[in-house]
């Protein structure tokens, strides 16, 4: 299963939009990506993490084309999240808390 959706909204005098792509094609990708008017986030191992004790995602804020449109003015920043327990344990704990 894979889907892409687009959101557009007008708030006051500004217009905003966001594009979300999500994929469960485990043999091809396990990605989650959100691209908005001012920022984007991309998690490459959203479903099953590559590492048990940490996960990371890329964050870009305020990216614009550089002169002559030959690249971007901002390099995506890798944000690392350290975990005390494996993702599966944290998921079961959260489900138990919600029950």
N, C-alpha and C. Protein backbone atom coordinates (compact mmCIF):
# COMPACT_ATOMS: atom_id res chain seq x y z
N UNK A 1 0.84 -1.16 0.00
CA UNK A 1 0.00 0.00 0.00
C UNK A 1 0.90 1.23 0.00
N UNK A 2 0.52 2.19 -0.78
CA UNK A 2 1.25 3.44 -0.86
C UNK A 2 0.26 4.55 -1.19
N UNK A 3 0.46 5.72 -0.61
CA UNK A 3 -0.42 6.83 -0.98
C UNK A 3 0.33 8.15 -0.92
N UNK A 4 -0.19 9.08 -1.69
CA UNK A 4 0.30 10.44 -1.69
C UNK A 4 -0.91 11.35 -1.63
N UNK A 5 -0.84 12.37 -0.80
CA UNK A 5 -1.95 13.31 -0.68
C UNK A 5 -1.41 14.73 -0.63
N UNK A 6 -2.25 15.65 -0.97
CA UNK A 6 -1.87 17.06 -1.00
C UNK A 6 -2.90 17.87 -0.22
N UNK A 7 -2.44 18.77 0.63
CA UNK A 7 -3.31 19.66 1.39
C UNK A 7 -3.03 21.10 0.97
N UNK A 8 -4.09 21.86 0.79
CA UNK A 8 -3.97 23.29 0.47
C UNK A 8 -4.95 24.05 1.35
N UNK A 9 -4.50 25.13 1.98
CA UNK A 9 -5.39 25.93 2.80
C UNK A 9 -4.94 27.38 2.78
N UNK A 10 -5.93 28.25 2.98
CA UNK A 10 -5.69 29.69 3.04
C UNK A 10 -5.98 30.16 4.45
N UNK A 11 -4.99 30.76 5.06
CA UNK A 11 -5.13 31.33 6.39
C UNK A 11 -4.83 32.82 6.27
N UNK A 12 -5.82 33.65 6.57
CA UNK A 12 -5.69 35.10 6.43
C UNK A 12 -5.27 35.43 5.00
N UNK A 13 -4.14 36.09 4.87
CA UNK A 13 -3.66 36.49 3.54
C UNK A 13 -2.59 35.55 3.01
N UNK A 14 -2.27 34.50 3.76
CA UNK A 14 -1.22 33.58 3.31
C UNK A 14 -1.84 32.27 2.82
N UNK A 15 -1.19 31.66 1.90
CA UNK A 15 -1.62 30.38 1.36
C UNK A 15 -0.56 29.34 1.67
N UNK A 16 -0.96 28.16 2.12
CA UNK A 16 -0.01 27.11 2.48
C UNK A 16 -0.41 25.81 1.81
N UNK A 17 0.57 24.95 1.66
CA UNK A 17 0.29 23.63 1.10
C UNK A 17 1.27 22.62 1.68
N UNK A 18 0.88 21.35 1.65
CA UNK A 18 1.73 20.27 2.12
C UNK A 18 1.48 19.05 1.25
N UNK A 19 2.52 18.27 1.03
CA UNK A 19 2.43 17.04 0.25
C UNK A 19 2.96 15.91 1.13
N UNK A 20 2.18 14.85 1.27
CA UNK A 20 2.57 13.72 2.12
C UNK A 20 2.63 12.46 1.26
N UNK A 21 3.73 11.72 1.37
CA UNK A 21 3.86 10.42 0.69
C UNK A 21 4.19 9.38 1.75
N UNK A 22 3.50 8.26 1.68
CA UNK A 22 3.68 7.20 2.66
C UNK A 22 3.66 5.87 1.92
N UNK A 23 4.55 4.95 2.28
CA UNK A 23 4.66 3.69 1.56
C UNK A 23 4.86 2.53 2.51
N UNK A 24 4.14 1.43 2.26
CA UNK A 24 4.34 0.19 2.99
C UNK A 24 4.98 -0.87 2.10
N UNK A 25 5.55 -0.48 0.97
CA UNK A 25 6.23 -1.42 0.09
C UNK A 25 7.57 -1.77 0.72
N UNK A 26 7.57 -2.73 1.63
CA UNK A 26 8.78 -3.02 2.40
C UNK A 26 9.94 -3.48 1.53
N UNK A 27 9.65 -4.06 0.39
CA UNK A 27 10.74 -4.51 -0.47
C UNK A 27 11.33 -3.36 -1.28
N UNK A 28 10.63 -2.23 -1.36
CA UNK A 28 11.17 -1.09 -2.11
C UNK A 28 11.44 0.13 -1.25
N UNK A 29 10.59 0.39 -0.27
CA UNK A 29 10.82 1.55 0.60
C UNK A 29 10.01 1.44 1.88
N UNK A 30 10.50 2.08 2.90
CA UNK A 30 9.80 2.21 4.17
C UNK A 30 9.89 3.67 4.56
N UNK A 31 9.44 4.54 3.66
CA UNK A 31 9.64 5.97 3.80
C UNK A 31 8.37 6.69 4.24
N UNK A 32 8.59 7.81 4.90
CA UNK A 32 7.54 8.75 5.25
C UNK A 32 8.09 10.12 4.92
N UNK A 33 7.41 10.85 4.06
CA UNK A 33 7.90 12.16 3.65
C UNK A 33 6.77 13.17 3.68
N UNK A 34 7.03 14.34 4.24
CA UNK A 34 6.09 15.45 4.25
C UNK A 34 6.83 16.66 3.71
N UNK A 35 6.29 17.27 2.67
CA UNK A 35 6.87 18.48 2.10
C UNK A 35 5.85 19.59 2.20
N UNK A 36 6.21 20.66 2.89
CA UNK A 36 5.30 21.78 3.07
C UNK A 36 5.83 23.04 2.41
N UNK A 37 5.13 24.14 2.63
CA UNK A 37 5.51 25.41 2.02
C UNK A 37 6.85 25.91 2.53
N UNK A 38 7.17 25.65 3.80
CA UNK A 38 8.39 26.19 4.40
C UNK A 38 9.38 25.14 4.90
N UNK A 39 8.98 23.88 4.91
CA UNK A 39 9.86 22.85 5.46
C UNK A 39 9.50 21.48 4.90
N UNK A 40 10.41 20.53 5.08
CA UNK A 40 10.13 19.15 4.70
C UNK A 40 10.82 18.22 5.68
N UNK A 41 10.23 17.03 5.84
CA UNK A 41 10.78 16.01 6.73
C UNK A 41 10.74 14.68 5.97
N UNK A 42 11.79 13.88 6.14
CA UNK A 42 11.87 12.60 5.44
C UNK A 42 12.47 11.56 6.38
N UNK A 43 11.67 10.54 6.71
CA UNK A 43 12.14 9.42 7.53
C UNK A 43 12.33 8.23 6.61
N UNK A 44 13.56 7.73 6.53
CA UNK A 44 13.88 6.66 5.58
C UNK A 44 13.57 5.26 6.11
N UNK A 45 13.49 5.10 7.41
CA UNK A 45 13.23 3.77 7.99
C UNK A 45 12.09 3.85 8.99
N UNK A 46 10.96 4.37 8.53
CA UNK A 46 9.84 4.66 9.41
C UNK A 46 9.18 3.40 9.96
N UNK A 47 9.09 2.34 9.19
CA UNK A 47 8.37 1.13 9.62
C UNK A 47 9.24 0.25 10.50
N UNK A 48 10.34 -0.20 9.98
CA UNK A 48 11.28 -1.04 10.72
C UNK A 48 12.63 -0.32 10.72
N UNK A 49 13.05 0.18 11.89
CA UNK A 49 14.29 0.96 11.92
C UNK A 49 15.52 0.10 11.63
N UNK A 50 16.52 0.75 11.06
CA UNK A 50 17.78 0.06 10.77
C UNK A 50 18.53 -0.27 12.05
N UNK A 51 18.37 0.55 13.07
CA UNK A 51 19.05 0.36 14.36
C UNK A 51 17.99 0.23 15.45
N UNK A 52 18.27 -0.54 16.48
CA UNK A 52 17.33 -0.73 17.59
C UNK A 52 17.35 0.43 18.58
N UNK A 53 18.51 1.06 18.76
CA UNK A 53 18.65 2.03 19.84
C UNK A 53 18.60 3.49 19.39
N UNK A 54 18.42 3.74 18.10
CA UNK A 54 18.27 5.11 17.63
C UNK A 54 17.58 5.13 16.27
N UNK A 55 17.01 6.27 15.96
CA UNK A 55 16.38 6.49 14.66
C UNK A 55 16.72 7.91 14.23
N UNK A 56 16.60 8.17 12.94
CA UNK A 56 16.91 9.51 12.46
C UNK A 56 15.97 9.89 11.32
N UNK A 57 15.89 11.18 11.07
CA UNK A 57 15.13 11.70 9.95
C UNK A 57 15.82 12.95 9.44
N UNK A 58 15.52 13.32 8.21
CA UNK A 58 16.11 14.52 7.62
C UNK A 58 15.10 15.65 7.66
N UNK A 59 15.56 16.84 8.03
CA UNK A 59 14.71 18.01 8.17
C UNK A 59 15.31 19.16 7.38
N UNK A 60 14.51 19.78 6.55
CA UNK A 60 14.93 20.96 5.79
C UNK A 60 13.94 22.08 6.08
N UNK A 61 14.44 23.23 6.51
CA UNK A 61 13.59 24.38 6.81
C UNK A 61 14.06 25.56 5.98
N UNK A 62 13.13 26.17 5.27
CA UNK A 62 13.43 27.38 4.50
C UNK A 62 14.28 27.16 3.27
N UNK A 63 14.21 26.00 2.66
CA UNK A 63 15.04 25.72 1.47
C UNK A 63 14.51 26.50 0.27
N UNK A 64 15.42 27.13 -0.44
CA UNK A 64 15.10 27.89 -1.66
C UNK A 64 16.15 27.55 -2.71
N UNK A 65 15.80 27.74 -3.97
CA UNK A 65 16.78 27.56 -5.04
C UNK A 65 17.87 28.63 -4.93
N UNK A 66 19.11 28.24 -5.19
CA UNK A 66 20.19 29.22 -5.26
C UNK A 66 20.16 29.86 -6.65
N UNK A 67 21.01 30.84 -6.84
CA UNK A 67 21.05 31.56 -8.11
C UNK A 67 21.23 30.59 -9.28
N UNK A 68 20.55 30.83 -10.34
CA UNK A 68 20.55 30.01 -11.56
C UNK A 68 19.89 28.64 -11.35
N UNK A 69 19.26 28.43 -10.21
CA UNK A 69 18.53 27.19 -9.92
C UNK A 69 19.39 25.94 -10.09
N UNK A 70 20.62 26.01 -9.60
CA UNK A 70 21.53 24.86 -9.72
C UNK A 70 21.66 24.06 -8.43
N UNK A 71 20.85 24.38 -7.45
CA UNK A 71 20.91 23.65 -6.18
C UNK A 71 20.04 24.34 -5.14
N UNK A 72 20.23 23.94 -3.89
CA UNK A 72 19.46 24.47 -2.77
C UNK A 72 20.37 25.27 -1.85
N UNK A 73 19.78 26.23 -1.13
CA UNK A 73 20.57 27.03 -0.19
C UNK A 73 20.71 26.37 1.18
N UNK A 74 19.97 25.30 1.42
CA UNK A 74 19.99 24.62 2.71
C UNK A 74 20.24 23.13 2.48
N UNK A 75 21.16 22.55 3.23
CA UNK A 75 21.39 21.11 3.19
C UNK A 75 20.50 20.48 4.26
N UNK A 76 19.80 19.38 3.96
CA UNK A 76 18.96 18.75 4.98
C UNK A 76 19.78 18.38 6.23
N UNK A 77 19.19 18.66 7.38
CA UNK A 77 19.83 18.36 8.66
C UNK A 77 19.35 16.99 9.14
N UNK A 78 20.28 16.12 9.53
CA UNK A 78 19.89 14.83 10.08
C UNK A 78 19.64 14.99 11.57
N UNK A 79 18.43 14.64 11.99
CA UNK A 79 18.04 14.71 13.40
C UNK A 79 18.03 13.28 13.93
N UNK A 80 18.81 13.04 14.96
CA UNK A 80 18.93 11.69 15.53
C UNK A 80 18.17 11.64 16.85
N UNK A 81 17.38 10.59 17.03
CA UNK A 81 16.61 10.38 18.25
C UNK A 81 17.11 9.09 18.89
N UNK A 82 17.70 9.22 20.08
CA UNK A 82 18.20 8.05 20.81
C UNK A 82 17.07 7.44 21.63
N UNK A 83 16.99 6.11 21.63
CA UNK A 83 15.93 5.39 22.32
C UNK A 83 16.52 4.51 23.41
N UNK A 84 15.83 4.45 24.54
CA UNK A 84 16.27 3.58 25.63
C UNK A 84 15.83 2.14 25.39
N UNK A 85 14.69 1.98 24.70
CA UNK A 85 14.12 0.65 24.43
C UNK A 85 13.90 0.51 22.92
N UNK A 86 13.84 -0.73 22.42
CA UNK A 86 13.55 -0.92 20.99
C UNK A 86 12.17 -0.37 20.61
N UNK A 87 12.01 -0.03 19.34
CA UNK A 87 10.77 0.56 18.86
C UNK A 87 9.56 -0.33 19.15
N UNK A 88 9.70 -1.64 19.00
CA UNK A 88 8.59 -2.55 19.23
C UNK A 88 8.10 -2.47 20.67
N UNK A 89 9.01 -2.40 21.62
CA UNK A 89 8.64 -2.30 23.04
C UNK A 89 7.93 -0.98 23.30
N UNK A 90 8.43 0.11 22.74
CA UNK A 90 7.79 1.41 22.92
C UNK A 90 6.39 1.42 22.32
N UNK A 91 6.20 0.74 21.18
CA UNK A 91 4.89 0.67 20.55
C UNK A 91 3.90 -0.09 21.43
N UNK A 92 4.32 -1.23 22.00
CA UNK A 92 3.44 -2.01 22.88
C UNK A 92 3.11 -1.20 24.13
N UNK A 93 4.08 -0.49 24.69
CA UNK A 93 3.82 0.36 25.85
C UNK A 93 2.78 1.43 25.53
N UNK A 94 2.90 2.05 24.36
CA UNK A 94 1.95 3.09 23.97
C UNK A 94 0.55 2.52 23.77
N UNK A 95 0.44 1.35 23.12
CA UNK A 95 -0.87 0.72 22.96
C UNK A 95 -1.49 0.37 24.31
N UNK A 96 -0.68 -0.12 25.25
CA UNK A 96 -1.18 -0.45 26.58
C UNK A 96 -1.64 0.81 27.31
N UNK A 97 -0.92 1.90 27.12
CA UNK A 97 -1.31 3.16 27.76
C UNK A 97 -2.64 3.67 27.20
N UNK A 98 -2.86 3.48 25.89
CA UNK A 98 -4.08 3.96 25.25
C UNK A 98 -5.29 3.08 25.56
N UNK A 99 -5.06 1.81 25.93
CA UNK A 99 -6.17 0.87 26.17
C UNK A 99 -6.92 1.18 27.44
